[in-house]
């Protein structure tokens, strides 16, 4: 009987560890995304002309691009 409770405690600890890992990965992805956006904003700041390009024109270019394989 004691063995059964040890298994359930271990499963709880495994699931808790998995949830903590998932939470850490979400934070890590958010930090990476934020850093990429800051870098892009910095690069666009060096070229103010690029900020004037309309988003619809950008979307058109993305649609006409060949898929990457």
PDB file of N, CA and C in Angstrom:
ATOM      1  N   UNK A   1       0.820  -1.191   0.000  1.00  0.00           N
ATOM      2  CA  UNK A   1       0.000   0.000   0.000  1.00  0.00           C
ATOM      3  C   UNK A   1       0.866   1.257   0.000  1.00  0.00           C
ATOM      4  N   UNK A   2       1.914   1.244   0.772  1.00  0.00           N
ATOM      5  CA  UNK A   2       2.807   2.390   0.826  1.00  0.00           C
ATOM      6  C   UNK A   2       3.442   2.638  -0.544  1.00  0.00           C
ATOM      7  N   UNK A   3       3.746   1.560  -1.242  1.00  0.00           N
ATOM      8  CA  UNK A   3       4.340   1.674  -2.577  1.00  0.00           C
ATOM      9  C   UNK A   3       3.421   2.453  -3.516  1.00  0.00           C
ATOM     10  N   UNK A   4       2.141   2.197  -3.441  1.00  0.00           N
ATOM     11  CA  UNK A   4       1.172   2.889  -4.296  1.00  0.00           C
ATOM     12  C   UNK A   4       1.182   4.399  -4.030  1.00  0.00           C
ATOM     13  N   UNK A   5       1.243   4.797  -2.795  1.00  0.00           N
ATOM     14  CA  UNK A   5       1.261   6.233  -2.481  1.00  0.00           C
ATOM     15  C   UNK A   5       2.567   6.862  -2.938  1.00  0.00           C
ATOM     16  N   UNK A   6       3.674   6.120  -2.892  1.00  0.00           N
ATOM     17  CA  UNK A   6       4.939   6.657  -3.381  1.00  0.00           C
ATOM     18  C   UNK A   6       4.863   6.926  -4.880  1.00  0.00           C
ATOM     19  N   UNK A   7       4.238   6.003  -5.628  1.00  0.00           N
ATOM     20  CA  UNK A   7       4.075   6.194  -7.068  1.00  0.00           C
ATOM     21  C   UNK A   7       3.228   7.424  -7.363  1.00  0.00           C
ATOM     22  N   UNK A   8       2.149   7.586  -6.622  1.00  0.00           N
ATOM     23  CA  UNK A   8       1.284   8.741  -6.880  1.00  0.00           C
ATOM     24  C   UNK A   8       1.991  10.042  -6.530  1.00  0.00           C
ATOM     25  N   UNK A   9       2.805  10.037  -5.478  1.00  0.00           N
ATOM     26  CA  UNK A   9       3.572  11.238  -5.137  1.00  0.00           C
ATOM     27  C   UNK A   9       4.589  11.551  -6.220  1.00  0.00           C
ATOM     28  N   UNK A  10       5.199  10.506  -6.766  1.00  0.00           N
ATOM     29  CA  UNK A  10       6.179  10.718  -7.821  1.00  0.00           C
ATOM     30  C   UNK A  10       5.499  11.260  -9.079  1.00  0.00           C
ATOM     31  N   UNK A  11       4.323  10.740  -9.411  1.00  0.00           N
ATOM     32  CA  UNK A  11       3.591  11.261 -10.559  1.00  0.00           C
ATOM     33  C   UNK A  11       3.237  12.726 -10.342  1.00  0.00           C
ATOM     34  N   UNK A  12       2.834  13.047  -9.125  1.00  0.00           N
ATOM     35  CA  UNK A  12       2.528  14.441  -8.834  1.00  0.00           C
ATOM     36  C   UNK A  12       3.767  15.308  -8.999  1.00  0.00           C
ATOM     37  N   UNK A  13       4.894  14.814  -8.540  1.00  0.00           N
ATOM     38  CA  UNK A  13       6.122  15.587  -8.663  1.00  0.00           C
ATOM     39  C   UNK A  13       6.537  15.703 -10.133  1.00  0.00           C
ATOM     40  N   UNK A  14       6.327  14.630 -10.903  1.00  0.00           N
ATOM     41  CA  UNK A  14       6.645  14.692 -12.335  1.00  0.00           C
ATOM     42  C   UNK A  14       5.748  15.693 -13.046  1.00  0.00           C
ATOM     43  N   UNK A  15       4.463  15.656 -12.750  1.00  0.00           N
ATOM     44  CA  UNK A  15       3.553  16.595 -13.410  1.00  0.00           C
ATOM     45  C   UNK A  15       3.840  18.023 -12.966  1.00  0.00           C
ATOM     46  N   UNK A  16       4.195  18.191 -11.694  1.00  0.00           N
ATOM     47  CA  UNK A  16       4.546  19.526 -11.205  1.00  0.00           C
ATOM     48  C   UNK A  16       5.806  20.036 -11.912  1.00  0.00           C
ATOM     49  N   UNK A  17       6.795  19.165 -12.064  1.00  0.00           N
ATOM     50  CA  UNK A  17       8.030  19.537 -12.746  1.00  0.00           C
ATOM     51  C   UNK A  17       7.750  19.883 -14.212  1.00  0.00           C
ATOM     52  N   UNK A  18       6.872  19.103 -14.840  1.00  0.00           N
ATOM     53  CA  UNK A  18       6.515  19.363 -16.234  1.00  0.00           C
ATOM     54  C   UNK A  18       5.836  20.721 -16.371  1.00  0.00           C
ATOM     55  N   UNK A  19       4.932  21.030 -15.448  1.00  0.00           N
ATOM     56  CA  UNK A  19       4.259  22.333 -15.486  1.00  0.00           C
ATOM     57  C   UNK A  19       5.255  23.468 -15.280  1.00  0.00           C
ATOM     58  N   UNK A  20       6.211  23.272 -14.384  1.00  0.00           N
ATOM     59  CA  UNK A  20       7.228  24.297 -14.160  1.00  0.00           C
ATOM     60  C   UNK A  20       8.082  24.483 -15.409  1.00  0.00           C
ATOM     61  N   UNK A  21       8.442  23.381 -16.064  1.00  0.00           N
ATOM     62  CA  UNK A  21       9.228  23.468 -17.297  1.00  0.00           C
ATOM     63  C   UNK A  21       8.456  24.200 -18.390  1.00  0.00           C
ATOM     64  N   UNK A  22       7.167  23.877 -18.524  1.00  0.00           N
ATOM     65  CA  UNK A  22       6.341  24.549 -19.531  1.00  0.00           C
ATOM     66  C   UNK A  22       6.252  26.047 -19.245  1.00  0.00           C
ATOM     67  N   UNK A  23       6.102  26.381 -17.973  1.00  0.00           N
ATOM     68  CA  UNK A  23       6.024  27.795 -17.586  1.00  0.00           C
ATOM     69  C   UNK A  23       7.337  28.506 -17.906  1.00  0.00           C
ATOM     70  N   UNK A  24       8.468  27.866 -17.595  1.00  0.00           N
ATOM     71  CA  UNK A  24       9.779  28.453 -17.909  1.00  0.00           C
ATOM     72  C   UNK A  24       9.937  28.657 -19.410  1.00  0.00           C
ATOM     73  N   UNK A  25       9.480  27.673 -20.198  1.00  0.00           N
ATOM     74  CA  UNK A  25       9.599  27.795 -21.653  1.00  0.00           C
ATOM     75  C   UNK A  25       8.735  28.937 -22.182  1.00  0.00           C
ATOM     76  N   UNK A  26       7.547  29.127 -21.609  1.00  0.00           N
ATOM     77  CA  UNK A  26       6.706  30.251 -22.031  1.00  0.00           C
ATOM     78  C   UNK A  26       7.403  31.572 -21.738  1.00  0.00           C
ATOM     79  N   UNK A  27       7.994  31.687 -20.556  1.00  0.00           N
ATOM     80  CA  UNK A  27       8.727  32.903 -20.220  1.00  0.00           C
ATOM     81  C   UNK A  27       9.908  33.094 -21.165  1.00  0.00           C
ATOM     82  N   UNK A  28      10.621  32.011 -21.432  1.00  0.00           N
ATOM     83  CA  UNK A  28      11.790  32.107 -22.310  1.00  0.00           C
ATOM     84  C   UNK A  28      11.388  32.564 -23.711  1.00  0.00           C
ATOM     85  N   UNK A  29      10.298  31.975 -24.238  1.00  0.00           N
ATOM     86  CA  UNK A  29       9.823  32.387 -25.563  1.00  0.00           C
ATOM     87  C   UNK A  29       9.390  33.846 -25.560  1.00  0.00           C
ATOM     88  N   UNK A  30       8.729  34.269 -24.500  1.00  0.00           N
ATOM     89  CA  UNK A  30       8.291  35.665 -24.407  1.00  0.00           C
ATOM     90  C   UNK A  30       9.492  36.602 -24.374  1.00  0.00           C
ATOM     91  N   UNK A  31      10.522  36.236 -23.639  1.00  0.00           N
ATOM     92  CA  UNK A  31      11.727  37.065 -23.569  1.00  0.00           C
ATOM     93  C   UNK A  31      12.412  37.115 -24.924  1.00  0.00           C
ATOM     94  N   UNK A  32      12.512  35.976 -25.605  1.00  0.00           N
ATOM     95  CA  UNK A  32      13.139  35.945 -26.926  1.00  0.00           C
ATOM     96  C   UNK A  32      12.350  36.781 -27.926  1.00  0.00           C
ATOM     97  N   UNK A  33      11.032  36.681 -27.888  1.00  0.00           N
ATOM     98  CA  UNK A  33      10.186  37.469 -28.789  1.00  0.00           C
ATOM     99  C   UNK A  33      10.373  38.951 -28.521  1.00  0.00           C
ATOM    100  N   UNK A  34      10.395  39.323 -27.250  1.00  0.00           N
ATOM    101  CA  UNK A  34      10.587  40.724 -26.876  1.00  0.00           C
ATOM    102  C   UNK A  34      11.943  41.226 -27.371  1.00  0.00           C
ATOM    103  N   UNK A  35      12.987  40.417 -27.197  1.00  0.00           N
ATOM    104  CA  UNK A  35      14.324  40.812 -27.640  1.00  0.00           C
ATOM    105  C   UNK A  35      14.372  40.964 -29.162  1.00  0.00           C
ATOM    106  N   UNK A  36      13.719  40.051 -29.882  1.00  0.00           N
ATOM    107  CA  UNK A  36      13.685  40.149 -31.343  1.00  0.00           C
ATOM    108  C   UNK A  36      12.947  41.407 -31.792  1.00  0.00           C
ATOM    109  N   UNK A  37      11.832  41.719 -31.124  1.00  0.00           N
ATOM    110  CA  UNK A  37      11.077  42.918 -31.481  1.00  0.00           C
ATOM    111  C   UNK A  37      11.886  44.180 -31.206  1.00  0.00           C
ATOM    112  N   UNK A  38      12.605  44.205 -30.092  1.00  0.00           N
ATOM    113  CA  UNK A  38      13.448  45.370 -29.775  1.00  0.00           C
ATOM    114  C   UNK A  38      14.542  45.535 -30.817  1.00  0.00           C
ATOM    115  N   UNK A  39      15.162  44.418 -31.207  1.00  0.00           N
ATOM    116  CA  UNK A  39      16.219  44.471 -32.218  1.00  0.00           C
ATOM    117  C   UNK A  39      15.661  44.983 -33.544  1.00  0.00           C
ATOM    118  N   UNK A  40      14.493  44.499 -33.933  1.00  0.00           N
ATOM    119  CA  UNK A  40      13.869  44.940 -35.171  1.00  0.00           C
ATOM    120  C   UNK A  40      13.529  46.425 -35.107  1.00  0.00           C
ATOM    121  N   UNK A  41      12.969  46.871 -33.984  1.00  0.00           N
ATOM    122  CA  UNK A  41      12.647  48.289 -33.829  1.00  0.00           C
ATOM    123  C   UNK A  41      13.908  49.142 -33.899  1.00  0.00           C
ATOM    124  N   UNK A  42      14.994  48.644 -33.322  1.00  0.00           N
ATOM    125  CA  UNK A  42      16.263  49.370 -33.382  1.00  0.00           C
ATOM    126  C   UNK A  42      16.751  49.480 -34.825  1.00  0.00           C
ATOM    127  N   UNK A  43      16.666  48.363 -35.553  1.00  0.00           N
ATOM    128  CA  UNK A  43      17.100  48.372 -36.947  1.00  0.00           C
ATOM    129  C   UNK A  43      16.207  49.261 -37.799  1.00  0.00           C
ATOM    130  N   UNK A  44      14.902  49.230 -37.560  1.00  0.00           N
ATOM    131  CA  UNK A  44      13.994  50.090 -38.319  1.00  0.00           C
ATOM    132  C   UNK A  44      14.210  51.556 -37.965  1.00  0.00           C
ATOM    133  N   UNK A  45      14.636  51.817 -36.748  1.00  0.00           N
ATOM    134  CA  UNK A  45      14.917  53.187 -36.335  1.00  0.00           C
ATOM    135  C   UNK A  45      16.068  53.791 -37.117  1.00  0.00           C
ATOM    136  N   UNK A  46      16.975  52.944 -37.584  1.00  0.00           N
ATOM    137  CA  UNK A  46      18.098  53.418 -38.386  1.00  0.00           C
ATOM    138  C   UNK A  46      17.652  53.799 -39.799  1.00  0.00           C
ATOM    139  N   UNK A  47      16.514  53.268 -40.237  1.00  0.00           N
ATOM    140  CA  UNK A  47      15.987  53.539 -41.570  1.00  0.00           C
ATOM    141  C   UNK A  47      14.543  54.020 -41.453  1.00  0.00           C
ATOM    142  N   UNK A  48      14.323  55.296 -41.165  1.00  0.00           N
ATOM    143  CA  UNK A  48      12.955  55.784 -40.962  1.00  0.00           C
ATOM    144  C   UNK A  48      12.076  55.636 -42.208  1.00  0.00           C
ATOM    145  N   UNK A  49      12.675  55.531 -43.400  1.00  0.00           N
ATOM    146  CA  UNK A  49      11.886  55.366 -44.626  1.00  0.00           C
ATOM    147  C   UNK A  49      11.092  54.059 -44.586  1.00  0.00           C
ATOM    148  N   UNK A  50      11.634  53.026 -43.966  1.00  0.00           N
ATOM    149  CA  UNK A  50      10.954  51.734 -43.923  1.00  0.00           C
ATOM    150  C   UNK A  50       9.671  51.789 -43.112  1.00  0.00           C
ATOM    151  N   UNK A  51       9.587  52.694 -42.169  1.00  0.00           N
ATOM    152  CA  UNK A  51       8.384  52.806 -41.344  1.00  0.00           C
ATOM    153  C   UNK A  51       7.215  53.349 -42.157  1.00  0.00           C
ATOM    154  N   UNK A  52       7.486  53.992 -43.285  1.00  0.00           N
ATOM    155  CA  UNK A  52       6.433  54.578 -44.109  1.00  0.00           C
ATOM    156  C   UNK A  52       5.790  53.567 -45.048  1.00  0.00           C
ATOM    157  N   UNK A  53       6.411  52.414 -45.228  1.00  0.00           N
ATOM    158  CA  UNK A  53       5.854  51.384 -46.112  1.00  0.00           C
ATOM    159  C   UNK A  53       4.555  50.879 -45.509  1.00  0.00           C
ATOM    160  N   UNK A  54       3.536  50.782 -46.350  1.00  0.00           N
ATOM    161  CA  UNK A  54       2.226  50.369 -45.832  1.00  0.00           C
ATOM    162  C   UNK A  54       2.219  48.876 -45.512  1.00  0.00           C
ATOM    163  N   UNK A  55       1.481  48.480 -44.484  1.00  0.00           N
ATOM    164  CA  UNK A  55       1.388  47.055 -44.137  1.00  0.00           C
ATOM    165  C   UNK A  55       0.769  46.217 -45.250  1.00  0.00           C
ATOM    166  N   UNK A  56      -0.132  46.791 -46.040  1.00  0.00           N
ATOM    167  CA  UNK A  56      -0.749  46.017 -47.118  1.00  0.00           C
ATOM    168  C   UNK A  56       0.275  45.669 -48.188  1.00  0.00           C
ATOM    169  N   UNK A  57       1.205  46.545 -48.431  1.00  0.00           N
ATOM    170  CA  UNK A  57       2.242  46.264 -49.415  1.00  0.00           C
ATOM    171  C   UNK A  57       3.138  45.136 -48.902  1.00  0.00           C
ATOM    172  N   UNK A  58       3.430  45.159 -47.632  1.00  0.00           N
ATOM    173  CA  UNK A  58       4.236  44.108 -47.025  1.00  0.00           C
ATOM    174  C   UNK A  58       3.516  42.761 -47.128  1.00  0.00           C
ATOM    175  N   UNK A  59       2.217  42.749 -46.883  1.00  0.00           N
ATOM    176  CA  UNK A  59       1.436  41.514 -46.959  1.00  0.00           C
ATOM    177  C   UNK A  59       1.420  40.976 -48.387  1.00  0.00           C
ATOM    178  N   UNK A  60       1.334  41.857 -49.375  1.00  0.00           N
ATOM    179  CA  UNK A  60       1.335  41.427 -50.772  1.00  0.00           C
ATOM    180  C   UNK A  60       2.645  40.733 -51.130  1.00  0.00           C
ATOM    181  N   UNK A  61       3.763  41.279 -50.646  1.00  0.00           N
ATOM    182  CA  UNK A  61       5.056  40.671 -50.936  1.00  0.00           C
ATOM    183  C   UNK A  61       5.181  39.306 -50.269  1.00  0.00           C
ATOM    184  N   UNK A  62       4.644  39.164 -49.075  1.00  0.00           N
ATOM    185  CA  UNK A  62       4.709  37.875 -48.396  1.00  0.00           C
ATOM    186  C   UNK A  62       3.884  36.832 -49.128  1.00  0.00           C
ATOM    187  N   UNK A  63       2.754  37.227 -49.696  1.00  0.00           N
ATOM    188  CA  UNK A  63       1.900  36.271 -50.389  1.00  0.00           C
ATOM    189  C   UNK A  63       2.529  35.821 -51.701  1.00  0.00           C
ATOM    190  N   UNK A  64       3.261  36.692 -52.372  1.00  0.00           N
ATOM    191  CA  UNK A  64       3.819  36.341 -53.666  1.00  0.00           C
ATOM    192  C   UNK A  64       5.152  35.610 -53.542  1.00  0.00           C
ATOM    193  N   UNK A  65       5.721  35.565 -52.364  1.00  0.00           N
ATOM    194  CA  UNK A  65       6.999  34.889 -52.190  1.00  0.00           C
ATOM    195  C   UNK A  65       6.818  33.380 -52.306  1.00  0.00           C
ATOM    196  N   UNK A  66       7.828  32.730 -52.878  1.00  0.00           N
ATOM    197  CA  UNK A  66       7.788  31.275 -53.017  1.00  0.00           C
ATOM    198  C   UNK A  66       7.991  30.629 -51.651  1.00  0.00           C
ATOM    199  N   UNK A  67       7.327  29.522 -51.396  1.00  0.00           N
ATOM    200  CA  UNK A  67       7.498  28.848 -50.100  1.00  0.00           C
ATOM    201  C   UNK A  67       8.920  28.320 -49.930  1.00  0.00           C
ATOM    202  N   UNK A  68       9.420  28.398 -48.732  1.00  0.00           N
ATOM    203  CA  UNK A  68      10.763  27.915 -48.426  1.00  0.00           C
ATOM    204  C   UNK A  68      10.701  26.415 -48.212  1.00  0.00           C
ATOM    205  N   UNK A  69      11.647  25.717 -48.808  1.00  0.00           N
ATOM    206  CA  UNK A  69      11.670  24.250 -48.664  1.00  0.00           C
ATOM    207  C   UNK A  69      12.959  23.797 -48.070  1.00  0.00           C
TER     208      UNK A  69
END
